[in-house]
Amino acid sequence: MNLIFIVVANDEGLVMAEVGTPPAEDFAPYSLNLLTASQHVMDASELGESVCTALVLNGGRMLIMRDADIGGQEIYLSILCSKVPTGMQKLLKRIIDVVSHSLLGHNR
């Protein structure tokens, strides 16, 4: 998994550190709303604490987001990778194909 861009921001959205080339000038690779939504899913489903939130993007890329408390200061870490872990895209496609086949089979 090749890393394209890593950024660390504080709870006010100010960049504390970054390395690599951002994909766009106004790229804000963290979203408190997205992290909050994933936490609600974890809480409601009783799956436990999430490690991170990941978005699988077109072109085989993946954006991984994580929040953390460091000495009482909330930070947001975002990592843009050039490649989704091996097998992830195939697994997603396979599940969609199975569901699609099942739904289309019932509509005939």
PDB file of N, CA and C in Angstrom:
ATOM      1  N   MET A   1       0.856  -1.171   0.000  1.00  0.00           N
ATOM      2  CA  MET A   1       0.000   0.000   0.000  1.00  0.00           C
ATOM      3  C   MET A   1       0.901   1.233   0.000  1.00  0.00           C
ATOM      4  N   ASN A   2       0.965   1.949  -1.115  1.00  0.00           N
ATOM      5  CA  ASN A   2       1.788   3.149  -1.212  1.00  0.00           C
ATOM      6  C   ASN A   2       1.038   4.347  -0.660  1.00  0.00           C
ATOM      7  N   LEU A   3       1.723   5.134   0.144  1.00  0.00           N
ATOM      8  CA  LEU A   3       1.119   6.329   0.723  1.00  0.00           C
ATOM      9  C   LEU A   3       1.311   7.510  -0.222  1.00  0.00           C
ATOM     10  N   ILE A   4       0.218   8.258  -0.440  1.00  0.00           N
ATOM     11  CA  ILE A   4       0.261   9.439  -1.301  1.00  0.00           C
ATOM     12  C   ILE A   4       0.405  10.697  -0.453  1.00  0.00           C
ATOM     13  N   PHE A   5      -0.352  10.733   0.649  1.00  0.00           N
ATOM     14  CA  PHE A   5      -0.452  11.959   1.434  1.00  0.00           C
ATOM     15  C   PHE A   5      -0.852  11.615   2.861  1.00  0.00           C
ATOM     16  N   ILE A   6      -0.212  12.243   3.831  1.00  0.00           N
ATOM     17  CA  ILE A   6      -0.568  12.087   5.243  1.00  0.00           C
ATOM     18  C   ILE A   6      -0.697  13.482   5.832  1.00  0.00           C
ATOM     19  N   VAL A   7      -1.757  13.699   6.600  1.00  0.00           N
ATOM     20  CA  VAL A   7      -1.946  14.999   7.249  1.00  0.00           C
ATOM     21  C   VAL A   7      -2.444  14.784   8.678  1.00  0.00           C
ATOM     22  N   VAL A   8      -1.968  15.637   9.573  1.00  0.00           N
ATOM     23  CA  VAL A   8      -2.442  15.661  10.956  1.00  0.00           C
ATOM     24  C   VAL A   8      -3.005  17.057  11.194  1.00  0.00           C
ATOM     25  N   ALA A   9      -4.253  17.115  11.655  1.00  0.00           N
ATOM     26  CA  ALA A   9      -4.907  18.404  11.917  1.00  0.00           C
ATOM     27  C   ALA A   9      -5.404  18.430  13.352  1.00  0.00           C
ATOM     28  N   ASN A  10      -5.533  19.642  13.902  1.00  0.00           N
ATOM     29  CA  ASN A  10      -6.073  19.756  15.253  1.00  0.00           C
ATOM     30  C   ASN A  10      -7.599  19.839  15.201  1.00  0.00           C
ATOM     31  N   ASP A  11      -8.217  19.963  16.377  1.00  0.00           N
ATOM     32  CA  ASP A  11      -9.678  19.955  16.439  1.00  0.00           C
ATOM     33  C   ASP A  11     -10.317  21.210  15.848  1.00  0.00           C
ATOM     34  N   GLU A  12      -9.518  22.188  15.473  1.00  0.00           N
ATOM     35  CA  GLU A  12     -10.031  23.383  14.798  1.00  0.00           C
ATOM     36  C   GLU A  12      -9.844  23.287  13.285  1.00  0.00           C
ATOM     37  N   GLY A  13      -9.304  22.159  12.827  1.00  0.00           N
ATOM     38  CA  GLY A  13      -9.091  21.963  11.397  1.00  0.00           C
ATOM     39  C   GLY A  13      -7.803  22.541  10.866  1.00  0.00           C
ATOM     40  N   LEU A  14      -6.948  23.013  11.758  1.00  0.00           N
ATOM     41  CA  LEU A  14      -5.666  23.575  11.325  1.00  0.00           C
ATOM     42  C   LEU A  14      -4.651  22.458  11.166  1.00  0.00           C
ATOM     43  N   VAL A  15      -3.943  22.462  10.055  1.00  0.00           N
ATOM     44  CA  VAL A  15      -2.958  21.431   9.769  1.00  0.00           C
ATOM     45  C   VAL A  15      -1.756  21.610  10.691  1.00  0.00           C
ATOM     46  N   MET A  16      -1.401  20.514  11.380  1.00  0.00           N
ATOM     47  CA  MET A  16      -0.251  20.522  12.286  1.00  0.00           C
ATOM     48  C   MET A  16       0.988  19.954  11.591  1.00  0.00           C
ATOM     49  N   ALA A  17       0.775  18.977  10.709  1.00  0.00           N
ATOM     50  CA  ALA A  17       1.875  18.362   9.970  1.00  0.00           C
ATOM     51  C   ALA A  17       1.311  17.689   8.733  1.00  0.00           C
ATOM     52  N   GLU A  18       2.099  17.643   7.684  1.00  0.00           N
ATOM     53  CA  GLU A  18       1.687  16.943   6.475  1.00  0.00           C
ATOM     54  C   GLU A  18       2.915  16.513   5.697  1.00  0.00           C
ATOM     55  N   VAL A  19       2.743  15.445   4.938  1.00  0.00           N
ATOM     56  CA  VAL A  19       3.810  14.963   4.081  1.00  0.00           C
ATOM     57  C   VAL A  19       3.172  14.407   2.815  1.00  0.00           C
ATOM     58  N   GLY A  20       3.819  14.601   1.696  1.00  0.00           N
ATOM     59  CA  GLY A  20       3.282  14.155   0.423  1.00  0.00           C
ATOM     60  C   GLY A  20       2.599  15.286  -0.312  1.00  0.00           C
ATOM     61  N   THR A  21       1.960  14.941  -1.408  1.00  0.00           N
ATOM     62  CA  THR A  21       1.291  15.925  -2.241  1.00  0.00           C
ATOM     63  C   THR A  21      -0.215  15.749  -2.142  1.00  0.00           C
ATOM     64  N   PRO A  22      -0.943  16.767  -1.643  1.00  0.00           N
ATOM     65  CA  PRO A  22      -2.403  16.641  -1.558  1.00  0.00           C
ATOM     66  C   PRO A  22      -3.011  16.567  -2.961  1.00  0.00           C
ATOM     67  N   PRO A  23      -4.101  15.829  -3.115  1.00  0.00           N
ATOM     68  CA  PRO A  23      -4.711  15.670  -4.433  1.00  0.00           C
ATOM     69  C   PRO A  23      -5.396  16.929  -4.959  1.00  0.00           C
ATOM     70  N   ALA A  24      -5.679  17.890  -4.096  1.00  0.00           N
ATOM     71  CA  ALA A  24      -6.311  19.146  -4.520  1.00  0.00           C
ATOM     72  C   ALA A  24      -5.880  20.254  -3.562  1.00  0.00           C
ATOM     73  N   GLU A  25      -5.944  21.487  -4.039  1.00  0.00           N
ATOM     74  CA  GLU A  25      -5.487  22.624  -3.229  1.00  0.00           C
ATOM     75  C   GLU A  25      -6.268  22.766  -1.931  1.00  0.00           C
ATOM     76  N   ASP A  26      -7.589  22.583  -1.999  1.00  0.00           N
ATOM     77  CA  ASP A  26      -8.428  22.771  -0.819  1.00  0.00           C
ATOM     78  C   ASP A  26      -8.821  21.431  -0.177  1.00  0.00           C
ATOM     79  N   PHE A  27      -7.982  20.418  -0.346  1.00  0.00           N
ATOM     80  CA  PHE A  27      -8.248  19.083   0.180  1.00  0.00           C
ATOM     81  C   PHE A  27      -8.310  19.117   1.698  1.00  0.00           C
ATOM     82  N   ALA A  28      -9.456  18.750   2.246  1.00  0.00           N
ATOM     83  CA  ALA A  28      -9.646  18.640   3.694  1.00  0.00           C
ATOM     84  C   ALA A  28      -9.944  17.171   3.987  1.00  0.00           C
ATOM     85  N   PRO A  29      -8.918  16.377   4.220  1.00  0.00           N
ATOM     86  CA  PRO A  29      -9.079  14.935   4.265  1.00  0.00           C
ATOM     87  C   PRO A  29      -9.604  14.366   5.578  1.00  0.00           C
ATOM     88  N   TYR A  30     -10.268  15.177   6.350  1.00  0.00           N
ATOM     89  CA  TYR A  30     -10.862  14.677   7.578  1.00  0.00           C
ATOM     90  C   TYR A  30     -12.232  15.312   7.694  1.00  0.00           C
ATOM     91  N   SER A  31     -13.109  14.618   8.305  1.00  0.00           N
ATOM     92  CA  SER A  31     -14.462  15.128   8.460  1.00  0.00           C
ATOM     93  C   SER A  31     -14.992  14.693   9.813  1.00  0.00           C
ATOM     94  N   LEU A  32     -15.206  15.656  10.674  1.00  0.00           N
ATOM     95  CA  LEU A  32     -15.748  15.340  11.997  1.00  0.00           C
ATOM     96  C   LEU A  32     -17.100  14.652  11.859  1.00  0.00           C
ATOM     97  N   ASN A  33     -17.902  15.079  10.864  1.00  0.00           N
ATOM     98  CA  ASN A  33     -19.210  14.451  10.655  1.00  0.00           C
ATOM     99  C   ASN A  33     -19.072  12.979  10.313  1.00  0.00           C
ATOM    100  N   LEU A  34     -18.117  12.655   9.455  1.00  0.00           N
ATOM    101  CA  LEU A  34     -17.911  11.260   9.062  1.00  0.00           C
ATOM    102  C   LEU A  34     -17.422  10.433  10.245  1.00  0.00           C
ATOM    103  N   LEU A  35     -16.485  10.976  11.011  1.00  0.00           N
ATOM    104  CA  LEU A  35     -15.978  10.255  12.175  1.00  0.00           C
ATOM    105  C   LEU A  35     -17.072  10.076  13.219  1.00  0.00           C
ATOM    106  N   THR A  36     -17.908  11.092  13.411  1.00  0.00           N
ATOM    107  CA  THR A  36     -19.018  10.997  14.363  1.00  0.00           C
ATOM    108  C   THR A  36     -20.032   9.966  13.900  1.00  0.00           C
ATOM    109  N   ALA A  37     -20.342   9.964  12.608  1.00  0.00           N
ATOM    110  CA  ALA A  37     -21.298   8.987  12.072  1.00  0.00           C
ATOM    111  C   ALA A  37     -20.787   7.567  12.259  1.00  0.00           C
ATOM    112  N   SER A  38     -19.504   7.335  12.006  1.00  0.00           N
ATOM    113  CA  SER A  38     -18.964   5.988  12.182  1.00  0.00           C
ATOM    114  C   SER A  38     -18.998   5.577  13.649  1.00  0.00           C
ATOM    115  N   GLN A  39     -18.794   6.536  14.550  1.00  0.00           N
ATOM    116  CA  GLN A  39     -18.864   6.225  15.987  1.00  0.00           C
ATOM    117  C   GLN A  39     -20.290   5.854  16.386  1.00  0.00           C
ATOM    118  N   HIS A  40     -21.295   6.552  15.819  1.00  0.00           N
ATOM    119  CA  HIS A  40     -22.695   6.211  16.100  1.00  0.00           C
ATOM    120  C   HIS A  40     -23.015   4.800  15.620  1.00  0.00           C
ATOM    121  N   VAL A  41     -22.484   4.429  14.464  1.00  0.00           N
ATOM    122  CA  VAL A  41     -22.695   3.066  13.950  1.00  0.00           C
ATOM    123  C   VAL A  41     -22.096   2.048  14.910  1.00  0.00           C
ATOM    124  N   MET A  42     -20.888   2.318  15.378  1.00  0.00           N
ATOM    125  CA  MET A  42     -20.229   1.401  16.318  1.00  0.00           C
ATOM    126  C   MET A  42     -21.035   1.288  17.618  1.00  0.00           C
ATOM    127  N   ASP A  43     -21.497   2.420  18.127  1.00  0.00           N
ATOM    128  CA  ASP A  43     -22.266   2.415  19.376  1.00  0.00           C
ATOM    129  C   ASP A  43     -23.584   1.673  19.213  1.00  0.00           C
ATOM    130  N   ALA A  44     -24.305   1.959  18.133  1.00  0.00           N
ATOM    131  CA  ALA A  44     -25.628   1.366  17.914  1.00  0.00           C
ATOM    132  C   ALA A  44     -25.546  -0.131  17.645  1.00  0.00           C
ATOM    133  N   SER A  45     -24.480  -0.568  17.034  1.00  0.00           N
ATOM    134  CA  SER A  45     -24.371  -1.982  16.678  1.00  0.00           C
ATOM    135  C   SER A  45     -23.635  -2.794  17.735  1.00  0.00           C
ATOM    136  N   GLU A  46     -23.114  -2.119  18.735  1.00  0.00           N
ATOM    137  CA  GLU A  46     -22.360  -2.769  19.806  1.00  0.00           C
ATOM    138  C   GLU A  46     -21.203  -3.597  19.257  1.00  0.00           C
ATOM    139  N   LEU A  47     -20.542  -3.065  18.228  1.00  0.00           N
ATOM    140  CA  LEU A  47     -19.397  -3.755  17.640  1.00  0.00           C
ATOM    141  C   LEU A  47     -18.090  -3.413  18.344  1.00  0.00           C
ATOM    142  N   GLY A  48     -18.171  -2.486  19.267  1.00  0.00           N
ATOM    143  CA  GLY A  48     -16.957  -2.069  19.958  1.00  0.00           C
ATOM    144  C   GLY A  48     -16.401  -0.785  19.372  1.00  0.00           C
ATOM    145  N   GLU A  49     -15.216  -0.451  19.784  1.00  0.00           N
ATOM    146  CA  GLU A  49     -14.574   0.796  19.362  1.00  0.00           C
ATOM    147  C   GLU A  49     -13.982   0.636  17.959  1.00  0.00           C
ATOM    148  N   SER A  50     -14.188   1.642  17.116  1.00  0.00           N
ATOM    149  CA  SER A  50     -13.625   1.566  15.766  1.00  0.00           C
ATOM    150  C   SER A  50     -12.147   1.929  15.802  1.00  0.00           C
ATOM    151  N   VAL A  51     -11.389   1.339  14.906  1.00  0.00           N
ATOM    152  CA  VAL A  51      -9.973   1.644  14.784  1.00  0.00           C
ATOM    153  C   VAL A  51      -9.803   2.884  13.912  1.00  0.00           C
ATOM    154  N   CYS A  52     -10.579   2.937  12.816  1.00  0.00           N
ATOM    155  CA  CYS A  52     -10.494   4.064  11.903  1.00  0.00           C
ATOM    156  C   CYS A  52     -11.722   4.042  10.993  1.00  0.00           C
ATOM    157  N   THR A  53     -11.873   5.103  10.228  1.00  0.00           N
ATOM    158  CA  THR A  53     -12.901   5.170   9.201  1.00  0.00           C
ATOM    159  C   THR A  53     -12.169   5.193   7.863  1.00  0.00           C
ATOM    160  N   ALA A  54     -12.613   4.362   6.937  1.00  0.00           N
ATOM    161  CA  ALA A  54     -11.933   4.292   5.643  1.00  0.00           C
ATOM    162  C   ALA A  54     -12.939   4.467   4.516  1.00  0.00           C
ATOM    163  N   LEU A  55     -12.538   5.206   3.512  1.00  0.00           N
ATOM    164  CA  LEU A  55     -13.344   5.387   2.311  1.00  0.00           C
ATOM    165  C   LEU A  55     -12.599   4.770   1.137  1.00  0.00           C
ATOM    166  N   VAL A  56     -13.242   3.864   0.440  1.00  0.00           N
ATOM    167  CA  VAL A  56     -12.667   3.288  -0.762  1.00  0.00           C
ATOM    168  C   VAL A  56     -13.056   4.204  -1.913  1.00  0.00           C
ATOM    169  N   LEU A  57     -12.064   4.684  -2.645  1.00  0.00           N
ATOM    170  CA  LEU A  57     -12.272   5.679  -3.688  1.00  0.00           C
ATOM    171  C   LEU A  57     -12.086   5.064  -5.071  1.00  0.00           C
ATOM    172  N   ASN A  58     -12.621   5.739  -6.066  1.00  0.00           N
ATOM    173  CA  ASN A  58     -12.392   5.315  -7.452  1.00  0.00           C
ATOM    174  C   ASN A  58     -10.902   5.286  -7.744  1.00  0.00           C
ATOM    175  N   GLY A  59     -10.543   4.474  -8.689  1.00  0.00           N
ATOM    176  CA  GLY A  59      -9.145   4.394  -9.079  1.00  0.00           C
ATOM    177  C   GLY A  59      -8.314   3.542  -8.141  1.00  0.00           C
ATOM    178  N   GLY A  60      -8.963   2.818  -7.233  1.00  0.00           N
ATOM    179  CA  GLY A  60      -8.238   1.922  -6.343  1.00  0.00           C
ATOM    180  C   GLY A  60      -7.594   2.590  -5.150  1.00  0.00           C
ATOM    181  N   ARG A  61      -7.944   3.847  -4.890  1.00  0.00           N
ATOM    182  CA  ARG A  61      -7.353   4.554  -3.749  1.00  0.00           C
ATOM    183  C   ARG A  61      -8.225   4.376  -2.507  1.00  0.00           C
ATOM    184  N   MET A  62      -7.656   4.682  -1.349  1.00  0.00           N
ATOM    185  CA  MET A  62      -8.399   4.609  -0.101  1.00  0.00           C
ATOM    186  C   MET A  62      -7.958   5.746   0.813  1.00  0.00           C
ATOM    187  N   LEU A  63      -8.928   6.374   1.468  1.00  0.00           N
ATOM    188  CA  LEU A  63      -8.659   7.420   2.439  1.00  0.00           C
ATOM    189  C   LEU A  63      -8.980   6.862   3.815  1.00  0.00           C
ATOM    190  N   ILE A  64      -7.992   6.844   4.689  1.00  0.00           N
ATOM    191  CA  ILE A  64      -8.148   6.335   6.051  1.00  0.00           C
ATOM    192  C   ILE A  64      -8.126   7.532   6.998  1.00  0.00           C
ATOM    193  N   MET A  65      -9.135   7.611   7.885  1.00  0.00           N
ATOM    194  CA  MET A  65      -9.221   8.721   8.837  1.00  0.00           C
ATOM    195  C   MET A  65      -9.307   8.179  10.245  1.00  0.00           C
ATOM    196  N   ARG A  66      -8.626   8.842  11.160  1.00  0.00           N
ATOM    197  CA  ARG A  66      -8.607   8.413  12.554  1.00  0.00           C
ATOM    198  C   ARG A  66      -8.524   9.631  13.443  1.00  0.00           C
ATOM    199  N   ASP A  67      -9.295   9.649  14.511  1.00  0.00           N
ATOM    200  CA  ASP A  67      -9.143  10.710  15.498  1.00  0.00           C
ATOM    201  C   ASP A  67      -8.480  10.116  16.731  1.00  0.00           C
ATOM    202  N   ALA A  68      -7.809  10.960  17.493  1.00  0.00           N
ATOM    203  CA  ALA A  68      -7.108  10.500  18.688  1.00  0.00           C
ATOM    204  C   ALA A  68      -6.985  11.648  19.675  1.00  0.00           C
ATOM    205  N   ASP A  69      -6.886  11.297  20.928  1.00  0.00           N
ATOM    206  CA  ASP A  69      -6.670  12.270  21.989  1.00  0.00           C
ATOM    207  C   ASP A  69      -5.219  12.139  22.433  1.00  0.00           C
ATOM    208  N   ILE A  70      -4.468  13.207  22.271  1.00  0.00           N
ATOM    209  CA  ILE A  70      -3.063  13.199  22.669  1.00  0.00           C
ATOM    210  C   ILE A  70      -2.862  14.282  23.715  1.00  0.00           C
ATOM    211  N   GLY A  71      -2.689  13.854  24.943  1.00  0.00           N
ATOM    212  CA  GLY A  71      -2.476  14.807  26.036  1.00  0.00           C
ATOM    213  C   GLY A  71      -3.599  15.803  26.187  1.00  0.00           C
ATOM    214  N   GLY A  72      -4.829  15.367  25.978  1.00  0.00           N
ATOM    215  CA  GLY A  72      -5.984  16.246  26.107  1.00  0.00           C
ATOM    216  C   GLY A  72      -6.307  17.045  24.857  1.00  0.00           C
ATOM    217  N   GLN A  73      -5.509  16.898  23.813  1.00  0.00           N
ATOM    218  CA  GLN A  73      -5.772  17.595  22.554  1.00  0.00           C
ATOM    219  C   GLN A  73      -6.236  16.592  21.511  1.00  0.00           C
ATOM    220  N   GLU A  74      -7.389  16.880  20.909  1.00  0.00           N
ATOM    221  CA  GLU A  74      -7.934  16.022  19.857  1.00  0.00           C
ATOM    222  C   GLU A  74      -7.218  16.304  18.549  1.00  0.00           C
ATOM    223  N   ILE A  75      -6.767  15.240  17.880  1.00  0.00           N
ATOM    224  CA  ILE A  75      -6.133  15.397  16.568  1.00  0.00           C
ATOM    225  C   ILE A  75      -6.827  14.475  15.571  1.00  0.00           C
ATOM    226  N   TYR A  76      -6.673  14.791  14.302  1.00  0.00           N
ATOM    227  CA  TYR A  76      -7.243  13.990  13.214  1.00  0.00           C
ATOM    228  C   TYR A  76      -6.119  13.621  12.264  1.00  0.00           C
ATOM    229  N   LEU A  77      -5.997  12.328  12.021  1.00  0.00           N
ATOM    230  CA  LEU A  77      -4.973  11.807  11.128  1.00  0.00           C
ATOM    231  C   LEU A  77      -5.667  11.285   9.880  1.00  0.00           C
ATOM    232  N   SER A  78      -5.182  11.688   8.727  1.00  0.00           N
ATOM    233  CA  SER A  78      -5.728  11.206   7.457  1.00  0.00           C
ATOM    234  C   SER A  78      -4.592  10.701   6.585  1.00  0.00           C
ATOM    235  N   ILE A  79      -4.827   9.548   5.980  1.00  0.00           N
ATOM    236  CA  ILE A  79      -3.824   8.923   5.125  1.00  0.00           C
ATOM    237  C   ILE A  79      -4.488   8.575   3.803  1.00  0.00           C
ATOM    238  N   LEU A  80      -3.969   9.095   2.711  1.00  0.00           N
ATOM    239  CA  LEU A  80      -4.457   8.759   1.382  1.00  0.00           C
ATOM    240  C   LEU A  80      -3.497   7.739   0.787  1.00  0.00           C
ATOM    241  N   CYS A  81      -4.028   6.571   0.460  1.00  0.00           N
ATOM    242  CA  CYS A  81      -3.216   5.468  -0.070  1.00  0.00           C
ATOM    243  C   CYS A  81      -3.512   5.289  -1.551  1.00  0.00           C
ATOM    244  N   SER A  82      -2.519   4.830  -2.270  1.00  0.00           N
ATOM    245  CA  SER A  82      -2.698   4.642  -3.707  1.00  0.00           C
ATOM    246  C   SER A  82      -3.365   3.318  -4.041  1.00  0.00           C
ATOM    247  N   LYS A  83      -3.495   2.442  -3.048  1.00  0.00           N
ATOM    248  CA  LYS A  83      -4.039   1.130  -3.340  1.00  0.00           C
ATOM    249  C   LYS A  83      -4.845   0.602  -2.157  1.00  0.00           C
ATOM    250  N   VAL A  84      -6.035   0.114  -2.446  1.00  0.00           N
ATOM    251  CA  VAL A  84      -6.868  -0.536  -1.442  1.00  0.00           C
ATOM    252  C   VAL A  84      -6.212  -1.872  -1.103  1.00  0.00           C
ATOM    253  N   PRO A  85      -6.257  -2.313   0.155  1.00  0.00           N
ATOM    254  CA  PRO A  85      -5.654  -3.602   0.494  1.00  0.00           C
ATOM    255  C   PRO A  85      -6.129  -4.719  -0.431  1.00  0.00           C
ATOM    256  N   THR A  86      -5.246  -5.606  -0.741  1.00  0.00           N
ATOM    257  CA  THR A  86      -5.507  -6.708  -1.663  1.00  0.00           C
ATOM    258  C   THR A  86      -6.793  -7.441  -1.317  1.00  0.00           C
ATOM    259  N   GLY A  87      -7.617  -7.636  -2.322  1.00  0.00           N
ATOM    260  CA  GLY A  87      -8.844  -8.401  -2.151  1.00  0.00           C
ATOM    261  C   GLY A  87     -10.070  -7.596  -1.777  1.00  0.00           C
ATOM    262  N   MET A  88      -9.911  -6.370  -1.280  1.00  0.00           N
ATOM    263  CA  MET A  88     -11.048  -5.579  -0.816  1.00  0.00           C
ATOM    264  C   MET A  88     -12.010  -5.250  -1.956  1.00  0.00           C
ATOM    265  N   GLN A  89     -11.490  -4.762  -3.079  1.00  0.00           N
ATOM    266  CA  GLN A  89     -12.367  -4.406  -4.191  1.00  0.00           C
ATOM    267  C   GLN A  89     -13.054  -5.634  -4.773  1.00  0.00           C
ATOM    268  N   LYS A  90     -12.323  -6.746  -4.852  1.00  0.00           N
ATOM    269  CA  LYS A  90     -12.925  -7.976  -5.363  1.00  0.00           C
ATOM    270  C   LYS A  90     -14.033  -8.464  -4.439  1.00  0.00           C
ATOM    271  N   LEU A  91     -13.812  -8.358  -3.125  1.00  0.00           N
ATOM    272  CA  LEU A  91     -14.827  -8.773  -2.159  1.00  0.00           C
ATOM    273  C   LEU A  91     -16.083  -7.924  -2.293  1.00  0.00           C
ATOM    274  N   LEU A  92     -15.917  -6.610  -2.378  1.00  0.00           N
ATOM    275  CA  LEU A  92     -17.068  -5.715  -2.529  1.00  0.00           C
ATOM    276  C   LEU A  92     -17.833  -6.020  -3.815  1.00  0.00           C
ATOM    277  N   LYS A  93     -17.105  -6.207  -4.906  1.00  0.00           N
ATOM    278  CA  LYS A  93     -17.748  -6.511  -6.185  1.00  0.00           C
ATOM    279  C   LYS A  93     -18.486  -7.840  -6.106  1.00  0.00           C
ATOM    280  N   ARG A  94     -17.898  -8.820  -5.483  1.00  0.00           N
ATOM    281  CA  ARG A  94     -18.525 -10.146  -5.372  1.00  0.00           C
ATOM    282  C   ARG A  94     -19.828 -10.066  -4.566  1.00  0.00           C
ATOM    283  N   ILE A  95     -19.810  -9.344  -3.463  1.00  0.00           N
ATOM    284  CA  ILE A  95     -21.021  -9.199  -2.643  1.00  0.00           C
ATOM    285  C   ILE A  95     -22.115  -8.504  -3.441  1.00  0.00           C
ATOM    286  N   ILE A  96     -21.767  -7.441  -4.153  1.00  0.00           N
ATOM    287  CA  ILE A  96     -22.743  -6.718  -4.964  1.00  0.00           C
ATOM    288  C   ILE A  96     -23.293  -7.611  -6.067  1.00  0.00           C
ATOM    289  N   ASP A  97     -22.423  -8.404  -6.687  1.00  0.00           N
ATOM    290  CA  ASP A  97     -22.879  -9.329  -7.735  1.00  0.00           C
ATOM    291  C   ASP A  97     -23.868 -10.355  -7.187  1.00  0.00           C
ATOM    292  N   VAL A  98     -23.579 -10.909  -6.013  1.00  0.00           N
ATOM    293  CA  VAL A  98     -24.467 -11.908  -5.405  1.00  0.00           C
ATOM    294  C   VAL A  98     -25.820 -11.279  -5.066  1.00  0.00           C
ATOM    295  N   VAL A  99     -25.790 -10.080  -4.461  1.00  0.00           N
ATOM    296  CA  VAL A  99     -27.044  -9.398  -4.122  1.00  0.00           C
ATOM    297  C   VAL A  99     -27.815  -9.048  -5.389  1.00  0.00           C
ATOM    298  N   SER A 100     -27.116  -8.549  -6.401  1.00  0.00           N
ATOM    299  CA  SER A 100     -27.755  -8.194  -7.659  1.00  0.00           C
ATOM    300  C   SER A 100     -28.408  -9.412  -8.303  1.00  0.00           C
ATOM    301  N   HIS A 101     -27.693 -10.507  -8.337  1.00  0.00           N
ATOM    302  CA  HIS A 101     -28.235 -11.737  -8.918  1.00  0.00           C
ATOM    303  C   HIS A 101     -29.472 -12.197  -8.147  1.00  0.00           C
ATOM    304  N   SER A 102     -29.411 -12.094  -6.838  1.00  0.00           N
ATOM    305  CA  SER A 102     -30.545 -12.507  -6.000  1.00  0.00           C
ATOM    306  C   SER A 102     -31.759 -11.614  -6.246  1.00  0.00           C
ATOM    307  N   LEU A 103     -31.539 -10.306  -6.299  1.00  0.00           N
ATOM    308  CA  LEU A 103     -32.651  -9.375  -6.513  1.00  0.00           C
ATOM    309  C   LEU A 103     -33.233  -9.495  -7.895  1.00  0.00           C
ATOM    310  N   LEU A 104     -32.379  -9.611  -8.908  1.00  0.00           N
ATOM    311  CA  LEU A 104     -32.869  -9.733 -10.273  1.00  0.00           C
ATOM    312  C   LEU A 104     -33.571 -11.076 -10.484  1.00  0.00           C
ATOM    313  N   GLY A 105     -33.117 -12.106  -9.813  1.00  0.00           N
ATOM    314  CA  GLY A 105     -33.751 -13.418  -9.918  1.00  0.00           C
ATOM    315  C   GLY A 105     -35.148 -13.431  -9.354  1.00  0.00           C
ATOM    316  N   HIS A 106     -35.392 -12.619  -8.311  1.00  0.00           N
ATOM    317  CA  HIS A 106     -36.715 -12.555  -7.689  1.00  0.00           C
ATOM    318  C   HIS A 106     -37.694 -11.674  -8.473  1.00  0.00           C
ATOM    319  N   ASN A 107     -37.166 -10.809  -9.335  1.00  0.00           N
ATOM    320  CA  ASN A 107     -38.027  -9.907 -10.111  1.00  0.00           C
ATOM    321  C   ASN A 107     -38.497 -10.504 -11.432  1.00  0.00           C
ATOM    322  N   ARG A 108     -38.040 -11.676 -11.769  1.00  0.00           N
ATOM    323  CA  ARG A 108     -38.403 -12.286 -13.054  1.00  0.00           C
ATOM    324  C   ARG A 108     -39.750 -12.926 -13.011  1.00  0.00           C
TER     325      ARG A 108
END
